[in-house]
Amino acid sequence: MHSDWALVSGLIKETKEVRLFAVPIEQVEIIDTWHMDGMAGTGSHDMAVNNIFVATRHSQTVSAMTIGRGEGALAHGTAMFRMPMMPILYLAAGAPAIGAARGALKRFIERAPERQKFGSRQKQSESVVTQVLVGKSKALIDAAEVIAKQVALECMAWGEADDICPLPERMRYRLLVNQAVRMVRDAVRDLFENSGANAHRDDEPLQRIHRDIHTISAHAVFDMDVVAEQFGRLALGMETTIPL
């Protein structure tokens, strides 16, 4: 919503290839469709373009970018442009979930010493159950960050290498980032469920984080059943059934 340019995709009739096109925002119609209970601030409305011309230098093939060998990567020759595209997109989508989970844990810890559960005479922070929950949540969130950082390091190594990152590795990265997102989603869910009805107030950050992280985890790229199936097919010597 605050960009000067938009990226739109299109199918080239002659070659049947899918390309991305960079288009000045004034040539794009923004369709007001993003009315969500989570991630509302991303402004991810639909877009439409009609009868516009895009110069060759503002277009790249998705297939070449997928393996980090698009025209821009070849022109610039740096590791950042040569990394496999899809794992980087998974990381870009998953990193906010890890950050949000850290925020949720911080907020839970802030509230616990002041909160007294109904029917109890002790503060929530004094409960062994709460202490265990904090420890387990910390472990899940830190482990998810370790996974994400490892995927990022390996992707950078592929960007620095002459060889192209093979499909099984790209699939493994998607599987790992999926697992990281599921871990932080589960951590936030458990923290929120132990925060009481007062955590549902409009001005309480925990409810916003809970909505945001569940919207992130519901994205198609984080459908673990689909991702795990594709990884399994590759591992068992079969072809994938979706574009990767």
C-alpha atoms as a PDB file:
ATOM      1  CA  MET A   1       0.000   0.000   0.000  1.00  0.00           C
ATOM      2  CA  HIS A   2       3.014   2.310   0.432  1.00  0.00           C
ATOM      3  CA  SER A   3       5.085   1.095  -2.525  1.00  0.00           C
ATOM      4  CA  ASP A   4       6.127   2.974  -5.638  1.00  0.00           C
ATOM      5  CA  TRP A   5       6.160  -0.276  -7.645  1.00  0.00           C
ATOM      6  CA  ALA A   6       4.117  -3.471  -7.717  1.00  0.00           C
ATOM      7  CA  LEU A   7       5.128  -6.994  -8.774  1.00  0.00           C
ATOM      8  CA  VAL A   8       2.535  -8.763 -10.875  1.00  0.00           C
ATOM      9  CA  SER A   9       2.766 -12.155 -12.564  1.00  0.00           C
ATOM     10  CA  GLY A  10       1.668 -13.187 -16.019  1.00  0.00           C
ATOM     11  CA  LEU A  11       1.748 -16.102 -18.432  1.00  0.00           C
ATOM     12  CA  ILE A  12       3.554 -15.621 -21.742  1.00  0.00           C
ATOM     13  CA  LYS A  13       1.297 -17.191 -24.376  1.00  0.00           C
ATOM     14  CA  GLU A  14       4.062 -18.097 -26.828  1.00  0.00           C
ATOM     15  CA  THR A  15       6.426 -19.800 -24.377  1.00  0.00           C
ATOM     16  CA  LYS A  16       3.956 -20.736 -21.600  1.00  0.00           C
ATOM     17  CA  GLU A  17       6.437 -19.356 -19.076  1.00  0.00           C
ATOM     18  CA  VAL A  18       5.402 -17.436 -15.979  1.00  0.00           C
ATOM     19  CA  ARG A  19       7.138 -14.094 -15.511  1.00  0.00           C
ATOM     20  CA  LEU A  20       7.122 -11.382 -12.879  1.00  0.00           C
ATOM     21  CA  PHE A  21       6.656  -7.794 -14.000  1.00  0.00           C
ATOM     22  CA  ALA A  22       7.604  -4.653 -12.075  1.00  0.00           C
ATOM     23  CA  VAL A  23       4.922  -2.037 -12.688  1.00  0.00           C
ATOM     24  CA  PRO A  24       4.735   1.576 -11.433  1.00  0.00           C
ATOM     25  CA  ILE A  25       2.025   1.738  -8.803  1.00  0.00           C
ATOM     26  CA  GLU A  26       0.099   4.441 -10.661  1.00  0.00           C
ATOM     27  CA  GLN A  27      -0.587   1.889 -13.428  1.00  0.00           C
ATOM     28  CA  VAL A  28      -2.102  -0.586 -10.952  1.00  0.00           C
ATOM     29  CA  GLU A  29      -5.692  -0.729  -9.755  1.00  0.00           C
ATOM     30  CA  ILE A  30      -5.840  -1.615  -6.057  1.00  0.00           C
ATOM     31  CA  ILE A  31      -8.967  -3.659  -5.338  1.00  0.00           C
ATOM     32  CA  ASP A  32     -10.130  -3.281  -1.736  1.00  0.00           C
ATOM     33  CA  THR A  33     -10.422  -6.948  -0.699  1.00  0.00           C
ATOM     34  CA  TRP A  34      -8.145  -7.307   2.346  1.00  0.00           C
ATOM     35  CA  HIS A  35     -10.579  -7.441   5.256  1.00  0.00           C
ATOM     36  CA  MET A  36      -9.016  -9.962   7.632  1.00  0.00           C
ATOM     37  CA  ASP A  37      -9.076 -10.854  11.319  1.00  0.00           C
ATOM     38  CA  GLY A  38      -5.278 -11.129  11.305  1.00  0.00           C
ATOM     39  CA  MET A  39      -2.387  -9.524   9.414  1.00  0.00           C
ATOM     40  CA  ALA A  40      -4.730  -6.656   8.623  1.00  0.00           C
ATOM     41  CA  GLY A  41      -1.841  -4.198   8.470  1.00  0.00           C
ATOM     42  CA  THR A  42      -0.176  -5.818   5.449  1.00  0.00           C
ATOM     43  CA  GLY A  43      -2.655  -4.225   3.050  1.00  0.00           C
ATOM     44  CA  SER A  44      -2.545  -7.304   0.808  1.00  0.00           C
ATOM     45  CA  HIS A  45      -5.354  -6.225  -1.456  1.00  0.00           C
ATOM     46  CA  ASP A  46      -5.926  -7.664  -4.917  1.00  0.00           C
ATOM     47  CA  MET A  47      -4.408  -5.838  -7.877  1.00  0.00           C
ATOM     48  CA  ALA A  48      -5.371  -5.474 -11.514  1.00  0.00           C
ATOM     49  CA  VAL A  49      -3.551  -4.081 -14.540  1.00  0.00           C
ATOM     50  CA  ASN A  50      -4.903  -3.581 -18.035  1.00  0.00           C
ATOM     51  CA  ASN A  51      -3.196  -2.943 -21.376  1.00  0.00           C
ATOM     52  CA  ILE A  52       0.165  -1.794 -20.040  1.00  0.00           C
ATOM     53  CA  PHE A  53       3.658  -2.071 -21.518  1.00  0.00           C
ATOM     54  CA  VAL A  54       6.499  -3.459 -19.393  1.00  0.00           C
ATOM     55  CA  ALA A  55      10.092  -3.072 -20.552  1.00  0.00           C
ATOM     56  CA  THR A  56      12.205  -6.241 -20.705  1.00  0.00           C
ATOM     57  CA  ARG A  57      14.502  -4.941 -17.975  1.00  0.00           C
ATOM     58  CA  HIS A  58      11.520  -4.894 -15.604  1.00  0.00           C
ATOM     59  CA  SER A  59      10.626  -8.568 -16.086  1.00  0.00           C
ATOM     60  CA  GLN A  60      12.087 -11.883 -14.925  1.00  0.00           C
ATOM     61  CA  THR A  61      11.116 -15.524 -15.429  1.00  0.00           C
ATOM     62  CA  VAL A  62       9.909 -17.230 -12.269  1.00  0.00           C
ATOM     63  CA  SER A  63      11.632 -20.500 -13.208  1.00  0.00           C
ATOM     64  CA  ALA A  64      15.042 -18.804 -13.423  1.00  0.00           C
ATOM     65  CA  MET A  65      14.502 -16.889 -10.203  1.00  0.00           C
ATOM     66  CA  THR A  66      13.469 -20.108  -8.455  1.00  0.00           C
ATOM     67  CA  ILE A  67      16.990 -21.476  -8.861  1.00  0.00           C
ATOM     68  CA  GLY A  68      18.711 -18.122  -8.370  1.00  0.00           C
ATOM     69  CA  ARG A  69      19.747 -17.682 -11.963  1.00  0.00           C
ATOM     70  CA  GLY A  70      17.474 -14.921 -13.213  1.00  0.00           C
ATOM     71  CA  GLU A  71      18.792 -12.224 -15.509  1.00  0.00           C
ATOM     72  CA  GLY A  72      19.263  -9.878 -12.578  1.00  0.00           C
ATOM     73  CA  ALA A  73      21.277 -12.484 -10.671  1.00  0.00           C
ATOM     74  CA  LEU A  74      23.535 -13.033 -13.671  1.00  0.00           C
ATOM     75  CA  ALA A  75      23.978  -9.289 -14.145  1.00  0.00           C
ATOM     76  CA  HIS A  76      24.784  -8.467 -10.511  1.00  0.00           C
ATOM     77  CA  GLY A  77      26.677 -11.678  -9.739  1.00  0.00           C
ATOM     78  CA  THR A  78      26.263 -11.387  -5.968  1.00  0.00           C
ATOM     79  CA  ALA A  79      25.227 -14.129  -3.555  1.00  0.00           C
ATOM     80  CA  MET A  80      22.131 -12.215  -2.503  1.00  0.00           C
ATOM     81  CA  PHE A  81      20.661 -12.453  -6.000  1.00  0.00           C
ATOM     82  CA  ARG A  82      21.837 -16.023  -6.635  1.00  0.00           C
ATOM     83  CA  MET A  83      20.105 -17.653  -3.684  1.00  0.00           C
ATOM     84  CA  PRO A  84      17.122 -19.941  -4.450  1.00  0.00           C
ATOM     85  CA  MET A  85      14.070 -17.679  -4.429  1.00  0.00           C
ATOM     86  CA  MET A  86      11.363 -19.808  -2.829  1.00  0.00           C
ATOM     87  CA  PRO A  87      13.178 -20.638   0.436  1.00  0.00           C
ATOM     88  CA  ILE A  88      13.887 -16.921   0.861  1.00  0.00           C
ATOM     89  CA  LEU A  89      10.183 -16.177   0.397  1.00  0.00           C
ATOM     90  CA  TYR A  90       9.334 -18.825   3.010  1.00  0.00           C
ATOM     91  CA  LEU A  91      11.766 -17.172   5.406  1.00  0.00           C
ATOM     92  CA  ALA A  92      10.350 -13.723   4.666  1.00  0.00           C
ATOM     93  CA  ALA A  93       6.850 -14.989   5.444  1.00  0.00           C
ATOM     94  CA  GLY A  94       7.903 -17.003   8.499  1.00  0.00           C
ATOM     95  CA  ALA A  95      10.217 -14.519  10.221  1.00  0.00           C
ATOM     96  CA  PRO A  96       7.359 -12.238  11.367  1.00  0.00           C
ATOM     97  CA  ALA A  97       5.744 -15.256  13.031  1.00  0.00           C
ATOM     98  CA  ILE A  98       8.891 -15.904  15.062  1.00  0.00           C
ATOM     99  CA  GLY A  99       9.125 -12.239  16.027  1.00  0.00           C
ATOM    100  CA  ALA A 100       5.450 -12.149  16.967  1.00  0.00           C
ATOM    101  CA  ALA A 101       5.889 -15.217  19.160  1.00  0.00           C
ATOM    102  CA  ARG A 102       8.744 -13.527  20.982  1.00  0.00           C
ATOM    103  CA  GLY A 103       6.456 -10.557  21.576  1.00  0.00           C
ATOM    104  CA  ALA A 104       3.723 -12.831  22.885  1.00  0.00           C
ATOM    105  CA  LEU A 105       6.069 -14.509  25.363  1.00  0.00           C
ATOM    106  CA  LYS A 106       7.362 -11.147  26.563  1.00  0.00           C
ATOM    107  CA  ARG A 107       3.831  -9.857  27.067  1.00  0.00           C
ATOM    108  CA  PHE A 108       2.753 -13.046  28.868  1.00  0.00           C
ATOM    109  CA  ILE A 109       5.676 -12.708  31.285  1.00  0.00           C
ATOM    110  CA  GLU A 110       4.771  -9.052  31.901  1.00  0.00           C
ATOM    111  CA  ARG A 111       1.150  -9.913  32.758  1.00  0.00           C
ATOM    112  CA  ALA A 112       1.714 -13.030  34.857  1.00  0.00           C
ATOM    113  CA  PRO A 113       2.906 -11.304  38.073  1.00  0.00           C
ATOM    114  CA  GLU A 114      -0.130  -9.018  38.019  1.00  0.00           C
ATOM    115  CA  ARG A 115      -2.747 -11.617  37.087  1.00  0.00           C
ATOM    116  CA  GLN A 116      -4.642 -13.719  39.608  1.00  0.00           C
ATOM    117  CA  LYS A 117      -6.695 -16.606  38.270  1.00  0.00           C
ATOM    118  CA  PHE A 118     -10.303 -16.856  39.388  1.00  0.00           C
ATOM    119  CA  GLY A 119     -10.562 -19.047  42.485  1.00  0.00           C
ATOM    120  CA  SER A 120      -6.844 -18.796  43.233  1.00  0.00           C
ATOM    121  CA  ARG A 121      -5.044 -16.768  45.900  1.00  0.00           C
ATOM    122  CA  GLN A 122      -1.695 -16.715  44.129  1.00  0.00           C
ATOM    123  CA  LYS A 123      -0.423 -14.677  41.245  1.00  0.00           C
ATOM    124  CA  GLN A 124      -0.222 -16.545  37.961  1.00  0.00           C
ATOM    125  CA  SER A 125       3.564 -16.194  37.949  1.00  0.00           C
ATOM    126  CA  GLU A 126       3.735 -18.218  41.197  1.00  0.00           C
ATOM    127  CA  SER A 127       2.104 -21.242  39.573  1.00  0.00           C
ATOM    128  CA  VAL A 128       4.400 -24.122  38.615  1.00  0.00           C
ATOM    129  CA  VAL A 129       2.183 -24.733  35.577  1.00  0.00           C
ATOM    130  CA  THR A 130       2.848 -21.170  34.402  1.00  0.00           C
ATOM    131  CA  GLN A 131       6.576 -21.491  34.974  1.00  0.00           C
ATOM    132  CA  VAL A 132       6.689 -24.700  32.938  1.00  0.00           C
ATOM    133  CA  LEU A 133       4.648 -23.059  30.174  1.00  0.00           C
ATOM    134  CA  VAL A 134       7.102 -20.162  29.963  1.00  0.00           C
ATOM    135  CA  GLY A 135      10.040 -22.562  29.718  1.00  0.00           C
ATOM    136  CA  LYS A 136       8.453 -24.732  27.043  1.00  0.00           C
ATOM    137  CA  SER A 137       7.361 -21.709  25.023  1.00  0.00           C
ATOM    138  CA  LYS A 138      10.877 -20.277  25.162  1.00  0.00           C
ATOM    139  CA  ALA A 139      12.298 -23.573  23.907  1.00  0.00           C
ATOM    140  CA  LEU A 140       9.853 -23.724  20.981  1.00  0.00           C
ATOM    141  CA  ILE A 141      10.473 -20.132  19.920  1.00  0.00           C
ATOM    142  CA  ASP A 142      14.254 -20.365  20.184  1.00  0.00           C
ATOM    143  CA  ALA A 143      14.293 -23.675  18.307  1.00  0.00           C
ATOM    144  CA  ALA A 144      12.202 -22.143  15.528  1.00  0.00           C
ATOM    145  CA  GLU A 145      14.665 -19.278  15.219  1.00  0.00           C
ATOM    146  CA  VAL A 146      17.587 -21.699  15.072  1.00  0.00           C
ATOM    147  CA  ILE A 147      15.857 -23.541  12.224  1.00  0.00           C
ATOM    148  CA  ALA A 148      15.181 -20.326  10.304  1.00  0.00           C
ATOM    149  CA  LYS A 149      18.743 -19.080  10.723  1.00  0.00           C
ATOM    150  CA  GLN A 150      20.161 -22.408   9.549  1.00  0.00           C
ATOM    151  CA  VAL A 151      18.000 -22.333   6.428  1.00  0.00           C
ATOM    152  CA  ALA A 152      19.138 -18.758   5.769  1.00  0.00           C
ATOM    153  CA  LEU A 153      22.797 -19.722   6.146  1.00  0.00           C
ATOM    154  CA  GLU A 154      22.431 -22.650   3.767  1.00  0.00           C
ATOM    155  CA  CYS A 155      20.605 -20.507   1.224  1.00  0.00           C
ATOM    156  CA  MET A 156      23.406 -17.941   1.384  1.00  0.00           C
ATOM    157  CA  ALA A 157      25.922 -20.735   0.810  1.00  0.00           C
ATOM    158  CA  TRP A 158      24.035 -21.746  -2.329  1.00  0.00           C
ATOM    159  CA  GLY A 159      24.129 -18.118  -3.459  1.00  0.00           C
ATOM    160  CA  GLU A 160      27.898 -18.132  -3.098  1.00  0.00           C
ATOM    161  CA  ALA A 161      28.303 -21.493  -4.863  1.00  0.00           C
ATOM    162  CA  ASP A 162      28.516 -22.136  -8.587  1.00  0.00           C
ATOM    163  CA  ASP A 163      26.117 -25.062  -8.354  1.00  0.00           C
ATOM    164  CA  ILE A 164      22.346 -24.583  -8.395  1.00  0.00           C
ATOM    165  CA  CYS A 165      20.408 -25.532  -5.274  1.00  0.00           C
ATOM    166  CA  PRO A 166      18.636 -28.804  -6.214  1.00  0.00           C
ATOM    167  CA  LEU A 167      14.918 -29.381  -5.797  1.00  0.00           C
ATOM    168  CA  PRO A 168      15.218 -31.828  -2.851  1.00  0.00           C
ATOM    169  CA  GLU A 169      17.136 -29.203  -0.878  1.00  0.00           C
ATOM    170  CA  ARG A 170      14.661 -26.463  -1.747  1.00  0.00           C
ATOM    171  CA  MET A 171      11.880 -28.797  -0.626  1.00  0.00           C
ATOM    172  CA  ARG A 172      13.706 -29.542   2.625  1.00  0.00           C
ATOM    173  CA  TYR A 173      14.015 -25.830   3.360  1.00  0.00           C
ATOM    174  CA  ARG A 174      10.293 -25.377   2.890  1.00  0.00           C
ATOM    175  CA  LEU A 175       9.612 -28.308   5.208  1.00  0.00           C
ATOM    176  CA  LEU A 176      11.904 -26.869   7.882  1.00  0.00           C
ATOM    177  CA  VAL A 177      10.435 -23.354   7.761  1.00  0.00           C
ATOM    178  CA  ASN A 178       6.956 -24.881   7.889  1.00  0.00           C
ATOM    179  CA  GLN A 179       7.935 -26.706  11.055  1.00  0.00           C
ATOM    180  CA  ALA A 180       9.361 -23.519  12.566  1.00  0.00           C
ATOM    181  CA  VAL A 181       6.117 -21.638  11.915  1.00  0.00           C
ATOM    182  CA  ARG A 182       4.041 -24.451  13.421  1.00  0.00           C
ATOM    183  CA  MET A 183       6.228 -24.414  16.530  1.00  0.00           C
ATOM    184  CA  VAL A 184       5.797 -20.704  17.205  1.00  0.00           C
ATOM    185  CA  ARG A 185       2.088 -20.875  16.353  1.00  0.00           C
ATOM    186  CA  ASP A 186       1.634 -23.589  18.958  1.00  0.00           C
ATOM    187  CA  ALA A 187       3.634 -21.610  21.515  1.00  0.00           C
ATOM    188  CA  VAL A 188       1.471 -18.520  21.017  1.00  0.00           C
ATOM    189  CA  ARG A 189      -1.704 -20.595  21.162  1.00  0.00           C
ATOM    190  CA  ASP A 190      -0.716 -22.086  24.525  1.00  0.00           C
ATOM    191  CA  LEU A 191       0.301 -18.714  25.955  1.00  0.00           C
ATOM    192  CA  PHE A 192      -2.917 -17.085  24.810  1.00  0.00           C
ATOM    193  CA  GLU A 193      -5.110 -19.883  26.151  1.00  0.00           C
ATOM    194  CA  ASN A 194      -3.500 -19.353  29.557  1.00  0.00           C
ATOM    195  CA  SER A 195      -3.993 -15.585  29.534  1.00  0.00           C
ATOM    196  CA  GLY A 196      -7.672 -15.427  30.475  1.00  0.00           C
ATOM    197  CA  ALA A 197     -10.642 -13.689  28.900  1.00  0.00           C
ATOM    198  CA  ASN A 198      -9.097 -10.282  29.617  1.00  0.00           C
ATOM    199  CA  ALA A 199      -6.479 -11.035  26.954  1.00  0.00           C
ATOM    200  CA  HIS A 200      -9.239 -10.730  24.328  1.00  0.00           C
ATOM    201  CA  ARG A 201      -9.546  -6.986  24.881  1.00  0.00           C
ATOM    202  CA  ASP A 202      -9.077  -4.896  21.742  1.00  0.00           C
ATOM    203  CA  ASP A 203      -6.180  -3.017  23.323  1.00  0.00           C
ATOM    204  CA  GLU A 204      -4.348  -6.174  24.450  1.00  0.00           C
ATOM    205  CA  PRO A 205      -1.371  -7.091  22.192  1.00  0.00           C
ATOM    206  CA  LEU A 206      -1.725 -10.817  22.924  1.00  0.00           C
ATOM    207  CA  GLN A 207      -5.011 -11.157  21.044  1.00  0.00           C
ATOM    208  CA  ARG A 208      -3.581  -9.321  18.037  1.00  0.00           C
ATOM    209  CA  ILE A 209      -0.492 -11.519  17.986  1.00  0.00           C
ATOM    210  CA  HIS A 210      -2.666 -14.612  18.312  1.00  0.00           C
ATOM    211  CA  ARG A 211      -4.761 -13.573  15.292  1.00  0.00           C
ATOM    212  CA  ASP A 212      -1.750 -12.522  13.235  1.00  0.00           C
ATOM    213  CA  ILE A 213       0.240 -15.693  13.777  1.00  0.00           C
ATOM    214  CA  HIS A 214      -2.709 -17.941  12.957  1.00  0.00           C
ATOM    215  CA  THR A 215      -3.303 -15.996   9.747  1.00  0.00           C
ATOM    216  CA  ILE A 216       0.369 -16.409   8.825  1.00  0.00           C
ATOM    217  CA  SER A 217       0.346 -20.135   9.548  1.00  0.00           C
ATOM    218  CA  ALA A 218      -2.803 -20.570   7.444  1.00  0.00           C
ATOM    219  CA  HIS A 219      -1.017 -19.296   4.326  1.00  0.00           C
ATOM    220  CA  ALA A 220      -0.782 -21.835   1.514  1.00  0.00           C
ATOM    221  CA  VAL A 221       3.030 -21.992   1.718  1.00  0.00           C
ATOM    222  CA  PHE A 222       2.727 -23.233   5.304  1.00  0.00           C
ATOM    223  CA  ASP A 223       0.301 -26.095   4.622  1.00  0.00           C
ATOM    224  CA  MET A 224       2.342 -28.813   6.317  1.00  0.00           C
ATOM    225  CA  ASP A 225       0.308 -31.705   4.907  1.00  0.00           C
ATOM    226  CA  VAL A 226       0.957 -30.566   1.334  1.00  0.00           C
ATOM    227  CA  VAL A 227       4.612 -29.778   1.993  1.00  0.00           C
ATOM    228  CA  ALA A 228       5.290 -33.020   3.841  1.00  0.00           C
ATOM    229  CA  GLU A 229       3.613 -35.007   1.061  1.00  0.00           C
ATOM    230  CA  GLN A 230       5.814 -33.397  -1.589  1.00  0.00           C
ATOM    231  CA  PHE A 231       8.966 -33.999   0.428  1.00  0.00           C
ATOM    232  CA  GLY A 232       7.905 -37.596   0.956  1.00  0.00           C
ATOM    233  CA  ARG A 233       7.286 -38.092  -2.751  1.00  0.00           C
ATOM    234  CA  LEU A 234      10.747 -36.804  -3.593  1.00  0.00           C
ATOM    235  CA  ALA A 235      12.375 -38.933  -0.900  1.00  0.00           C
ATOM    236  CA  LEU A 236      10.568 -42.025  -2.232  1.00  0.00           C
ATOM    237  CA  GLY A 237      11.664 -41.393  -5.813  1.00  0.00           C
ATOM    238  CA  MET A 238       8.427 -39.903  -7.163  1.00  0.00           C
ATOM    239  CA  GLU A 239       7.746 -36.600  -8.890  1.00  0.00           C
ATOM    240  CA  THR A 240       6.080 -33.720  -7.074  1.00  0.00           C
ATOM    241  CA  THR A 241       2.465 -32.910  -7.883  1.00  0.00           C
ATOM    242  CA  ILE A 242       2.601 -29.126  -7.361  1.00  0.00           C
ATOM    243  CA  PRO A 243       4.933 -26.431  -8.730  1.00  0.00           C
ATOM    244  CA  LEU A 244       7.939 -25.920  -6.471  1.00  0.00           C
END
